[in-house]
PDB file of all heavy atoms in Angstrom:
ATOM      1  N   ASP A   1       0.834  -1.269   0.019  1.00  0.00           N
ATOM      2  CA  ASP A   1       0.021  -0.021  -0.012  1.00  0.00           C
ATOM      3  C   ASP A   1       0.866   1.236   0.016  1.00  0.00           C
ATOM      4  O   ASP A   1       0.296   2.327  -0.081  1.00  0.00           O
ATOM      5  CB  ASP A   1      -0.987   0.011   1.237  1.00  0.00           C
ATOM      6  CG  ASP A   1      -0.292  -0.204   2.507  1.00  0.00           C
ATOM      7  OD1 ASP A   1       0.866   0.161   2.654  1.00  0.00           O
ATOM      8  OD2 ASP A   1      -0.843  -0.786   3.434  1.00  0.00           O
ATOM      9  N   GLY A   2       2.095   1.091   0.119  1.00  0.00           N
ATOM     10  CA  GLY A   2       2.948   2.281   0.160  1.00  0.00           C
ATOM     11  C   GLY A   2       2.993   3.118   1.418  1.00  0.00           C
ATOM     12  O   GLY A   2       3.756   4.016   1.575  1.00  0.00           O
ATOM     13  N   ASP A   3       2.105   2.791   2.383  1.00  0.00           N
ATOM     14  CA  ASP A   3       1.949   3.548   3.577  1.00  0.00           C
ATOM     15  C   ASP A   3       2.871   3.018   4.694  1.00  0.00           C
ATOM     16  O   ASP A   3       2.971   3.571   5.751  1.00  0.00           O
ATOM     17  CB  ASP A   3       0.615   3.567   4.046  1.00  0.00           C
ATOM     18  CG  ASP A   3      -0.242   4.449   3.195  1.00  0.00           C
ATOM     19  OD1 ASP A   3       0.130   5.615   2.995  1.00  0.00           O
ATOM     20  OD2 ASP A   3      -1.267   3.934   2.777  1.00  0.00           O
ATOM     21  N   ALA A   4       3.413   1.801   4.439  1.00  0.00           N
ATOM     22  CA  ALA A   4       4.230   1.251   5.522  1.00  0.00           C
ATOM     23  C   ALA A   4       5.473   0.578   4.897  1.00  0.00           C
ATOM     24  O   ALA A   4       5.508   0.265   3.687  1.00  0.00           O
ATOM     25  CB  ALA A   4       3.418   0.063   6.159  1.00  0.00           C
ATOM     26  N   TRP A   5       6.481   0.346   5.652  1.00  0.00           N
ATOM     27  CA  TRP A   5       7.554  -0.419   5.157  1.00  0.00           C
ATOM     28  C   TRP A   5       7.862  -1.476   6.300  1.00  0.00           C
ATOM     29  O   TRP A   5       7.464  -1.286   7.421  1.00  0.00           O
ATOM     30  CB  TRP A   5       8.829   0.472   4.978  1.00  0.00           C
ATOM     31  CG  TRP A   5       9.229   1.344   6.105  1.00  0.00           C
ATOM     32  CD1 TRP A   5       8.873   2.559   6.401  1.00  0.00           C
ATOM     33  CD2 TRP A   5       9.992   0.858   7.269  1.00  0.00           C
ATOM     34  NE1 TRP A   5       9.356   2.963   7.565  1.00  0.00           N
ATOM     35  CE2 TRP A   5      10.069   1.972   8.143  1.00  0.00           C
ATOM     36  CE3 TRP A   5      10.626  -0.318   7.607  1.00  0.00           C
ATOM     37  CZ2 TRP A   5      10.857   1.914   9.305  1.00  0.00           C
ATOM     38  CZ3 TRP A   5      11.370  -0.318   8.810  1.00  0.00           C
ATOM     39  CH2 TRP A   5      11.396   0.702   9.664  1.00  0.00           C
ATOM     40  N   MET A   6       8.479  -2.504   5.940  1.00  0.00           N
ATOM     41  CA  MET A   6       8.715  -3.522   6.891  1.00  0.00           C
ATOM     42  C   MET A   6      10.107  -4.084   6.633  1.00  0.00           C
ATOM     43  O   MET A   6      10.703  -4.036   5.532  1.00  0.00           O
ATOM     44  CB  MET A   6       7.739  -4.608   6.848  1.00  0.00           C
ATOM     45  CG  MET A   6       7.568  -5.302   5.482  1.00  0.00           C
ATOM     46  SD  MET A   6       6.215  -6.565   5.508  1.00  0.00           S
ATOM     47  CE  MET A   6       6.239  -6.996   3.774  1.00  0.00           C
ATOM     48  N   THR A   7      10.684  -4.711   7.776  1.00  0.00           N
ATOM     49  CA  THR A   7      11.995  -5.345   7.663  1.00  0.00           C
ATOM     50  C   THR A   7      11.685  -6.781   8.188  1.00  0.00           C
ATOM     51  O   THR A   7      11.645  -6.975   9.328  1.00  0.00           O
ATOM     52  CB  THR A   7      12.970  -4.685   8.591  1.00  0.00           C
ATOM     53  OG1 THR A   7      13.118  -3.271   8.288  1.00  0.00           O
ATOM     54  CG2 THR A   7      14.435  -5.242   8.468  1.00  0.00           C
ATOM     55  N   ALA A   8      11.501  -7.622   7.168  1.00  0.00           N
ATOM     56  CA  ALA A   8      11.216  -9.045   7.664  1.00  0.00           C
ATOM     57  C   ALA A   8      11.245  -9.813   6.300  1.00  0.00           C
ATOM     58  O   ALA A   8      10.500  -9.617   5.404  1.00  0.00           O
ATOM     59  CB  ALA A   8       9.803  -9.056   8.268  1.00  0.00           C
ATOM     60  N   SER A   9      11.979 -10.954   6.401  1.00  0.00           N
ATOM     61  CA  SER A   9      12.016 -11.838   5.254  1.00  0.00           C
ATOM     62  C   SER A   9      10.918 -12.666   5.343  1.00  0.00           C
ATOM     63  O   SER A   9      10.262 -12.910   4.221  1.00  0.00           O
ATOM     64  CB  SER A   9      13.348 -12.600   5.220  1.00  0.00           C
ATOM     65  OG  SER A   9      13.569 -13.300   6.388  1.00  0.00           O
ATOM     66  N   PRO A  10      10.536 -13.331   6.439  1.00  0.00           N
ATOM     67  CA  PRO A  10       9.282 -14.187   6.452  1.00  0.00           C
ATOM     68  C   PRO A  10       8.031 -13.292   6.410  1.00  0.00           C
ATOM     69  O   PRO A  10       7.844 -12.496   7.151  1.00  0.00           O
ATOM     70  CB  PRO A  10       9.410 -15.016   7.717  1.00  0.00           C
ATOM     71  CG  PRO A  10      10.176 -14.042   8.562  1.00  0.00           C
ATOM     72  CD  PRO A  10      11.111 -13.346   7.765  1.00  0.00           C
ATOM     73  N   PRO A  11       7.092 -13.528   5.453  1.00  0.00           N
ATOM     74  CA  PRO A  11       5.875 -12.733   5.432  1.00  0.00           C
ATOM     75  C   PRO A  11       5.063 -13.218   6.531  1.00  0.00           C
ATOM     76  O   PRO A  11       5.158 -14.186   7.192  1.00  0.00           O
ATOM     77  CB  PRO A  11       5.309 -13.191   4.049  1.00  0.00           C
ATOM     78  CG  PRO A  11       5.813 -14.467   3.743  1.00  0.00           C
ATOM     79  CD  PRO A  11       7.183 -14.502   4.325  1.00  0.00           C
ATOM     80  N   PRO A  12       3.930 -12.346   6.865  1.00  0.00           N
ATOM     81  CA  PRO A  12       3.072 -12.828   7.935  1.00  0.00           C
ATOM     82  C   PRO A  12       2.561 -14.139   7.745  1.00  0.00           C
ATOM     83  O   PRO A  12       2.071 -14.628   6.699  1.00  0.00           O
ATOM     84  CB  PRO A  12       1.942 -11.776   7.803  1.00  0.00           C
ATOM     85  CG  PRO A  12       2.540 -10.599   7.242  1.00  0.00           C
ATOM     86  CD  PRO A  12       3.599 -11.122   6.355  1.00  0.00           C
ATOM     87  N   GLY A  13       2.724 -15.009   8.820  1.00  0.00           N
ATOM     88  CA  GLY A  13       2.230 -16.345   8.651  1.00  0.00           C
ATOM     89  C   GLY A  13       3.258 -17.409   8.375  1.00  0.00           C
ATOM     90  O   GLY A  13       3.135 -18.613   8.539  1.00  0.00           O
ATOM     91  N   ALA A  14       4.497 -16.972   7.934  1.00  0.00           N
ATOM     92  CA  ALA A  14       5.552 -17.937   7.550  1.00  0.00           C
ATOM     93  C   ALA A  14       6.122 -18.438   8.837  1.00  0.00           C
ATOM     94  O   ALA A  14       6.270 -17.730   9.837  1.00  0.00           O
ATOM     95  CB  ALA A  14       6.632 -17.141   6.788  1.00  0.00           C
ATOM     96  N   GLY A  15       6.417 -19.694   8.852  1.00  0.00           N
ATOM     97  CA  GLY A  15       6.948 -20.363   9.952  1.00  0.00           C
ATOM     98  C   GLY A  15       5.918 -20.716  10.962  1.00  0.00           C
ATOM     99  O   GLY A  15       6.262 -21.097  12.126  1.00  0.00           O
ATOM    100  N   ALA A  16       4.614 -20.618  10.724  1.00  0.00           N
ATOM    101  CA  ALA A  16       3.548 -20.916  11.670  1.00  0.00           C
ATOM    102  C   ALA A  16       3.562 -22.436  11.887  1.00  0.00           C
ATOM    103  O   ALA A  16       3.628 -23.263  10.991  1.00  0.00           O
ATOM    104  CB  ALA A  16       2.254 -20.423  11.125  1.00  0.00           C
ATOM    105  N   PRO A  17       3.171 -22.911  13.031  1.00  0.00           N
ATOM    106  CA  PRO A  17       3.103 -24.345  13.295  1.00  0.00           C
ATOM    107  C   PRO A  17       1.948 -24.876  12.572  1.00  0.00           C
ATOM    108  O   PRO A  17       0.878 -24.337  12.363  1.00  0.00           O
ATOM    109  CB  PRO A  17       2.946 -24.338  14.851  1.00  0.00           C
ATOM    110  CG  PRO A  17       2.421 -23.061  15.176  1.00  0.00           C
ATOM    111  CD  PRO A  17       3.012 -22.106  14.280  1.00  0.00           C
ATOM    112  N   ALA A  18       2.163 -26.169  12.032  1.00  0.00           N
ATOM    113  CA  ALA A  18       1.101 -26.765  11.361  1.00  0.00           C
ATOM    114  C   ALA A  18      -0.130 -27.106  12.120  1.00  0.00           C
ATOM    115  O   ALA A  18       0.084 -27.365  13.399  1.00  0.00           O
ATOM    116  CB  ALA A  18       1.671 -28.065  10.676  1.00  0.00           C
ATOM    117  N   ARG A  19      -1.287 -26.966  11.588  1.00  0.00           N
ATOM    118  CA  ARG A  19      -2.514 -27.241  12.390  1.00  0.00           C
ATOM    119  C   ARG A  19      -3.220 -28.397  11.736  1.00  0.00           C
ATOM    120  O   ARG A  19      -3.223 -28.569  10.510  1.00  0.00           O
ATOM    121  CB  ARG A  19      -3.359 -25.967  12.503  1.00  0.00           C
ATOM    122  CG  ARG A  19      -2.758 -24.828  13.283  1.00  0.00           C
ATOM    123  CD  ARG A  19      -3.616 -23.566  13.185  1.00  0.00           C
ATOM    124  NE  ARG A  19      -2.932 -22.514  13.800  1.00  0.00           N
ATOM    125  CZ  ARG A  19      -3.458 -21.750  14.884  1.00  0.00           C
ATOM    126  NH1 ARG A  19      -4.538 -22.193  15.449  1.00  0.00           N
ATOM    127  NH2 ARG A  19      -2.830 -20.786  15.331  1.00  0.00           N
ATOM    128  N   LYS A  20      -4.039 -29.127  12.482  1.00  0.00           N
ATOM    129  CA  LYS A  20      -4.763 -30.202  11.951  1.00  0.00           C
ATOM    130  C   LYS A  20      -5.938 -29.641  11.106  1.00  0.00           C
ATOM    131  O   LYS A  20      -6.649 -28.818  11.539  1.00  0.00           O
ATOM    132  CB  LYS A  20      -5.331 -31.058  13.119  1.00  0.00           C
ATOM    133  CG  LYS A  20      -6.068 -32.289  12.705  1.00  0.00           C
ATOM    134  CD  LYS A  20      -6.598 -33.157  13.922  1.00  0.00           C
ATOM    135  CE  LYS A  20      -7.265 -34.325  13.485  1.00  0.00           C
ATOM    136  NZ  LYS A  20      -7.764 -35.171  14.568  1.00  0.00           N
ATOM    137  N   ALA A  21      -6.007 -30.174   9.858  1.00  0.00           N
ATOM    138  CA  ALA A  21      -7.098 -29.707   9.041  1.00  0.00           C
ATOM    139  C   ALA A  21      -8.463 -30.198   9.407  1.00  0.00           C
ATOM    140  O   ALA A  21      -8.655 -31.318  10.045  1.00  0.00           O
ATOM    141  CB  ALA A  21      -6.834 -30.183   7.485  1.00  0.00           C
ATOM    142  N   LEU A  22      -9.474 -29.337   9.016  1.00  0.00           N
ATOM    143  CA  LEU A  22     -10.881 -29.857   9.284  1.00  0.00           C
ATOM    144  C   LEU A  22     -11.294 -31.025   8.384  1.00  0.00           C
ATOM    145  O   LEU A  22     -10.785 -31.154   7.242  1.00  0.00           O
ATOM    146  CB  LEU A  22     -11.860 -28.653   9.078  1.00  0.00           C
ATOM    147  CG  LEU A  22     -11.588 -27.444  10.042  1.00  0.00           C
ATOM    148  CD1 LEU A  22     -12.632 -26.333   9.621  1.00  0.00           C
ATOM    149  CD2 LEU A  22     -11.970 -27.932  11.470  1.00  0.00           C
ATOM    150  N   ARG A  23     -12.173 -31.837   8.945  1.00  0.00           N
ATOM    151  CA  ARG A  23     -12.580 -32.934   8.113  1.00  0.00           C
ATOM    152  C   ARG A  23     -13.666 -32.420   7.062  1.00  0.00           C
ATOM    153  O   ARG A  23     -14.320 -31.373   7.274  1.00  0.00           O
ATOM    154  CB  ARG A  23     -13.341 -33.993   9.037  1.00  0.00           C
ATOM    155  CG  ARG A  23     -12.441 -34.622  10.027  1.00  0.00           C
ATOM    156  CD  ARG A  23     -13.085 -35.585  10.933  1.00  0.00           C
ATOM    157  NE  ARG A  23     -12.275 -36.156  11.887  1.00  0.00           N
ATOM    158  CZ  ARG A  23     -11.412 -37.235  11.660  1.00  0.00           C
ATOM    159  NH1 ARG A  23     -11.437 -37.773  10.481  1.00  0.00           N
ATOM    160  NH2 ARG A  23     -10.563 -37.551  12.627  1.00  0.00           N
ATOM    161  N   PRO A  24     -13.858 -33.169   5.964  1.00  0.00           N
ATOM    162  CA  PRO A  24     -14.738 -32.638   4.925  1.00  0.00           C
ATOM    163  C   PRO A  24     -16.144 -32.401   5.500  1.00  0.00           C
ATOM    164  O   PRO A  24     -16.824 -31.425   5.045  1.00  0.00           O
ATOM    165  CB  PRO A  24     -14.832 -33.774   3.907  1.00  0.00           C
ATOM    166  CG  PRO A  24     -13.426 -34.454   4.112  1.00  0.00           C
ATOM    167  CD  PRO A  24     -13.094 -34.382   5.545  1.00  0.00           C
ATOM    168  N   TRP A  25     -16.663 -33.268   6.341  1.00  0.00           N
ATOM    169  CA  TRP A  25     -18.028 -33.066   6.843  1.00  0.00           C
ATOM    170  C   TRP A  25     -18.286 -31.789   7.648  1.00  0.00           C
ATOM    171  O   TRP A  25     -19.230 -31.163   7.726  1.00  0.00           O
ATOM    172  CB  TRP A  25     -18.568 -34.296   7.634  1.00  0.00           C
ATOM    173  CG  TRP A  25     -17.804 -34.558   8.870  1.00  0.00           C
ATOM    174  CD1 TRP A  25     -16.737 -35.321   9.092  1.00  0.00           C
ATOM    175  CD2 TRP A  25     -18.196 -33.946  10.117  1.00  0.00           C
ATOM    176  NE1 TRP A  25     -16.474 -35.287  10.431  1.00  0.00           N
ATOM    177  CE2 TRP A  25     -17.332 -34.462  11.174  1.00  0.00           C
ATOM    178  CE3 TRP A  25     -19.184 -33.013  10.627  1.00  0.00           C
ATOM    179  CZ2 TRP A  25     -17.370 -34.089  12.497  1.00  0.00           C
ATOM    180  CZ3 TRP A  25     -19.270 -32.661  11.858  1.00  0.00           C
ATOM    181  CH2 TRP A  25     -18.356 -33.189  12.842  1.00  0.00           C
ATOM    182  N   GLN A  26     -17.025 -31.403   8.267  1.00  0.00           N
ATOM    183  CA  GLN A  26     -17.062 -30.182   9.155  1.00  0.00           C
ATOM    184  C   GLN A  26     -17.191 -28.970   8.226  1.00  0.00           C
ATOM    185  O   GLN A  26     -17.854 -28.002   8.523  1.00  0.00           O
ATOM    186  CB  GLN A  26     -15.786 -30.127  10.107  1.00  0.00           C
ATOM    187  CG  GLN A  26     -15.710 -31.219  11.152  1.00  0.00           C
ATOM    188  CD  GLN A  26     -14.473 -31.213  11.937  1.00  0.00           C
ATOM    189  OE1 GLN A  26     -13.420 -31.220  11.235  1.00  0.00           O
ATOM    190  NE2 GLN A  26     -14.579 -31.045  13.196  1.00  0.00           N
ATOM    191  N   TRP A  27     -16.440 -28.989   7.056  1.00  0.00           N
ATOM    192  CA  TRP A  27     -16.515 -27.925   6.146  1.00  0.00           C
ATOM    193  C   TRP A  27     -17.879 -27.774   5.566  1.00  0.00           C
ATOM    194  O   TRP A  27     -18.344 -26.708   5.343  1.00  0.00           O
ATOM    195  CB  TRP A  27     -15.421 -28.132   5.058  1.00  0.00           C
ATOM    196  CG  TRP A  27     -14.097 -27.654   5.367  1.00  0.00           C
ATOM    197  CD1 TRP A  27     -13.037 -28.400   5.602  1.00  0.00           C
ATOM    198  CD2 TRP A  27     -13.655 -26.303   5.609  1.00  0.00           C
ATOM    199  NE1 TRP A  27     -11.906 -27.566   5.937  1.00  0.00           N
ATOM    200  CE2 TRP A  27     -12.266 -26.323   5.888  1.00  0.00           C
ATOM    201  CE3 TRP A  27     -14.366 -25.000   5.501  1.00  0.00           C
ATOM    202  CZ2 TRP A  27     -11.576 -25.175   6.147  1.00  0.00           C
ATOM    203  CZ3 TRP A  27     -13.588 -23.926   5.728  1.00  0.00           C
ATOM    204  CH2 TRP A  27     -12.246 -23.958   6.028  1.00  0.00           C
ATOM    205  N   THR A  28     -18.543 -28.928   5.353  1.00  0.00           N
ATOM    206  CA  THR A  28     -19.940 -28.942   4.776  1.00  0.00           C
ATOM    207  C   THR A  28     -20.909 -28.206   5.800  1.00  0.00           C
ATOM    208  O   THR A  28     -21.659 -27.293   5.427  1.00  0.00           O
ATOM    209  CB  THR A  28     -20.356 -30.267   4.515  1.00  0.00           C
ATOM    210  OG1 THR A  28     -19.457 -30.937   3.520  1.00  0.00           O
ATOM    211  CG2 THR A  28     -21.740 -30.385   3.984  1.00  0.00           C
ATOM    212  N   VAL A  29     -20.775 -28.560   7.050  1.00  0.00           N
ATOM    213  CA  VAL A  29     -21.609 -28.011   8.010  1.00  0.00           C
ATOM    214  C   VAL A  29     -21.394 -26.439   8.138  1.00  0.00           C
ATOM    215  O   VAL A  29     -22.309 -25.674   8.091  1.00  0.00           O
ATOM    216  CB  VAL A  29     -21.473 -28.580   9.458  1.00  0.00           C
ATOM    217  CG1 VAL A  29     -22.193 -27.874  10.598  1.00  0.00           C
ATOM    218  CG2 VAL A  29     -21.859 -30.114   9.447  1.00  0.00           C
ATOM    219  N   LEU A  30     -20.076 -26.061   8.138  1.00  0.00           N
ATOM    220  CA  LEU A  30     -19.778 -24.618   8.186  1.00  0.00           C
ATOM    221  C   LEU A  30     -20.300 -23.876   6.996  1.00  0.00           C
ATOM    222  O   LEU A  30     -20.768 -22.771   7.026  1.00  0.00           O
ATOM    223  CB  LEU A  30     -18.286 -24.481   8.341  1.00  0.00           C
ATOM    224  CG  LEU A  30     -17.637 -24.882   9.662  1.00  0.00           C
ATOM    225  CD1 LEU A  30     -16.100 -24.759   9.678  1.00  0.00           C
ATOM    226  CD2 LEU A  30     -18.213 -23.964  10.779  1.00  0.00           C
ATOM    227  N   GLY A  31     -20.232 -24.567   5.800  1.00  0.00           N
ATOM    228  CA  GLY A  31     -20.704 -23.920   4.577  1.00  0.00           C
ATOM    229  C   GLY A  31     -22.222 -23.682   4.697  1.00  0.00           C
ATOM    230  O   GLY A  31     -22.705 -22.632   4.199  1.00  0.00           O
ATOM    231  N   VAL A  32     -22.921 -24.684   5.215  1.00  0.00           N
ATOM    232  CA  VAL A  32     -24.393 -24.495   5.291  1.00  0.00           C
ATOM    233  C   VAL A  32     -24.808 -23.455   6.229  1.00  0.00           C
ATOM    234  O   VAL A  32     -25.684 -22.627   6.012  1.00  0.00           O
ATOM    235  CB  VAL A  32     -25.031 -25.901   5.753  1.00  0.00           C
ATOM    236  CG1 VAL A  32     -26.521 -25.643   6.098  1.00  0.00           C
ATOM    237  CG2 VAL A  32     -24.869 -26.985   4.771  1.00  0.00           C
ATOM    238  N   VAL A  33     -24.130 -23.401   7.369  1.00  0.00           N
ATOM    239  CA  VAL A  33     -24.313 -22.361   8.360  1.00  0.00           C
ATOM    240  C   VAL A  33     -24.078 -20.993   7.800  1.00  0.00           C
ATOM    241  O   VAL A  33     -24.819 -19.976   7.979  1.00  0.00           O
ATOM    242  CB  VAL A  33     -23.444 -22.556   9.705  1.00  0.00           C
ATOM    243  CG1 VAL A  33     -23.569 -21.357  10.644  1.00  0.00           C
ATOM    244  CG2 VAL A  33     -23.947 -23.842  10.331  1.00  0.00           C
ATOM    245  N   ALA A  34     -22.880 -20.892   6.946  1.00  0.00           N
ATOM    246  CA  ALA A  34     -22.577 -19.567   6.407  1.00  0.00           C
ATOM    247  C   ALA A  34     -23.649 -19.186   5.411  1.00  0.00           C
ATOM    248  O   ALA A  34     -24.009 -17.950   5.339  1.00  0.00           O
ATOM    249  CB  ALA A  34     -21.229 -19.734   5.763  1.00  0.00           C
ATOM    250  N   GLY A  35     -24.173 -20.153   4.637  1.00  0.00           N
ATOM    251  CA  GLY A  35     -25.165 -19.806   3.682  1.00  0.00           C
ATOM    252  C   GLY A  35     -26.418 -19.358   4.325  1.00  0.00           C
ATOM    253  O   GLY A  35     -27.174 -18.376   3.878  1.00  0.00           O
ATOM    254  N   LEU A  36     -26.873 -19.948   5.436  1.00  0.00           N
ATOM    255  CA  LEU A  36     -28.101 -19.567   6.105  1.00  0.00           C
ATOM    256  C   LEU A  36     -27.875 -18.060   6.706  1.00  0.00           C
ATOM    257  O   LEU A  36     -28.812 -17.342   6.604  1.00  0.00           O
ATOM    258  CB  LEU A  36     -28.372 -20.542   7.318  1.00  0.00           C
ATOM    259  CG  LEU A  36     -28.846 -21.920   6.836  1.00  0.00           C
ATOM    260  CD1 LEU A  36     -28.964 -22.861   8.037  1.00  0.00           C
ATOM    261  CD2 LEU A  36     -30.120 -21.836   6.112  1.00  0.00           C
ATOM    262  N   LEU A  37     -26.677 -17.811   7.238  1.00  0.00           N
ATOM    263  CA  LEU A  37     -26.458 -16.529   7.801  1.00  0.00           C
ATOM    264  C   LEU A  37     -26.487 -15.465   6.699  1.00  0.00           C
ATOM    265  O   LEU A  37     -27.034 -14.305   6.876  1.00  0.00           O
ATOM    266  CB  LEU A  37     -25.102 -16.485   8.522  1.00  0.00           C
ATOM    267  CG  LEU A  37     -24.992 -17.228   9.891  1.00  0.00           C
ATOM    268  CD1 LEU A  37     -23.628 -17.150  10.475  1.00  0.00           C
ATOM    269  CD2 LEU A  37     -25.961 -16.640  10.884  1.00  0.00           C
ATOM    270  N   ALA A  38     -25.826 -15.756   5.630  1.00  0.00           N
ATOM    271  CA  ALA A  38     -25.837 -14.867   4.515  1.00  0.00           C
ATOM    272  C   ALA A  38     -27.229 -14.565   4.049  1.00  0.00           C
ATOM    273  O   ALA A  38     -27.590 -13.432   3.703  1.00  0.00           O
ATOM    274  CB  ALA A  38     -24.953 -15.346   3.380  1.00  0.00           C
ATOM    275  N   ALA A  39     -28.024 -15.612   3.852  1.00  0.00           N
ATOM    276  CA  ALA A  39     -29.452 -15.367   3.381  1.00  0.00           C
ATOM    277  C   ALA A  39     -30.201 -14.492   4.416  1.00  0.00           C
ATOM    278  O   ALA A  39     -31.045 -13.702   3.968  1.00  0.00           O
ATOM    279  CB  ALA A  39     -30.106 -16.777   3.230  1.00  0.00           C
ATOM    280  N   ALA A  40     -30.029 -14.694   5.658  1.00  0.00           N
ATOM    281  CA  ALA A  40     -30.788 -14.003   6.662  1.00  0.00           C
ATOM    282  C   ALA A  40     -30.405 -12.537   6.579  1.00  0.00           C
ATOM    283  O   ALA A  40     -31.189 -11.629   6.901  1.00  0.00           O
ATOM    284  CB  ALA A  40     -30.508 -14.577   8.019  1.00  0.00           C
ATOM    285  N   LEU A  41     -29.177 -12.299   6.293  1.00  0.00           N
ATOM    286  CA  LEU A  41     -28.695 -10.892   6.292  1.00  0.00           C
ATOM    287  C   LEU A  41     -28.777 -10.225   4.920  1.00  0.00           C
ATOM    288  O   LEU A  41     -28.555  -9.035   4.782  1.00  0.00           O
ATOM    289  CB  LEU A  41     -27.130 -10.831   6.740  1.00  0.00           C
ATOM    290  CG  LEU A  41     -26.838 -11.269   8.169  1.00  0.00           C
ATOM    291  CD1 LEU A  41     -25.384 -11.310   8.365  1.00  0.00           C
ATOM    292  CD2 LEU A  41     -27.583 -10.369   9.135  1.00  0.00           C
ATOM    293  N   GLY A  42     -29.220 -10.959   3.946  1.00  0.00           N
ATOM    294  CA  GLY A  42     -29.415 -10.394   2.598  1.00  0.00           C
ATOM    295  C   GLY A  42     -28.179 -10.143   1.939  1.00  0.00           C
ATOM    296  O   GLY A  42     -28.078  -9.218   1.052  1.00  0.00           O
ATOM    297  N   THR A  43     -27.166 -10.838   2.269  1.00  0.00           N
ATOM    298  CA  THR A  43     -25.815 -10.640   1.593  1.00  0.00           C
ATOM    299  C   THR A  43     -25.446 -11.905   0.821  1.00  0.00           C
ATOM    300  O   THR A  43     -26.037 -12.961   0.997  1.00  0.00           O
ATOM    301  CB  THR A  43     -24.726 -10.427   2.688  1.00  0.00           C
ATOM    302  OG1 THR A  43     -24.706 -11.571   3.493  1.00  0.00           O
ATOM    303  CG2 THR A  43     -25.042  -9.141   3.501  1.00  0.00           C
ATOM    304  N   ALA A  44     -24.432 -11.716   0.039  1.00  0.00           N
ATOM    305  CA  ALA A  44     -24.023 -12.861  -0.831  1.00  0.00           C
ATOM    306  C   ALA A  44     -23.330 -13.972  -0.018  1.00  0.00           C
ATOM    307  O   ALA A  44     -22.713 -13.729   0.974  1.00  0.00           O
ATOM    308  CB  ALA A  44     -22.973 -12.325  -1.903  1.00  0.00           C
ATOM    309  N   THR A  45     -23.555 -15.217  -0.553  1.00  0.00           N
ATOM    310  CA  THR A  45     -22.942 -16.325   0.076  1.00  0.00           C
ATOM    311  C   THR A  45     -21.405 -16.296  -0.144  1.00  0.00           C
ATOM    312  O   THR A  45     -21.005 -15.898  -1.195  1.00  0.00           O
ATOM    313  CB  THR A  45     -23.494 -17.682  -0.417  1.00  0.00           C
ATOM    314  OG1 THR A  45     -24.870 -17.574  -0.161  1.00  0.00           O
ATOM    315  CG2 THR A  45     -22.818 -18.829   0.271  1.00  0.00           C
TER     316      THR A  45
END
C-alpha cells in the first residue's frame, strides 16, 4: 500500500506451526451455516 515499510524476510504467517485440517463433513456444516447467515442478512454467500 505504500504507507508502511517492513523489515522481515518471512511474510506474515511464515513459519507458523502446522494445524490439523478440518474434516470434509465439518467444512460442509460450516458452509451450510454460512449460507443460512448470508441469506438471513441479505448478503451474498
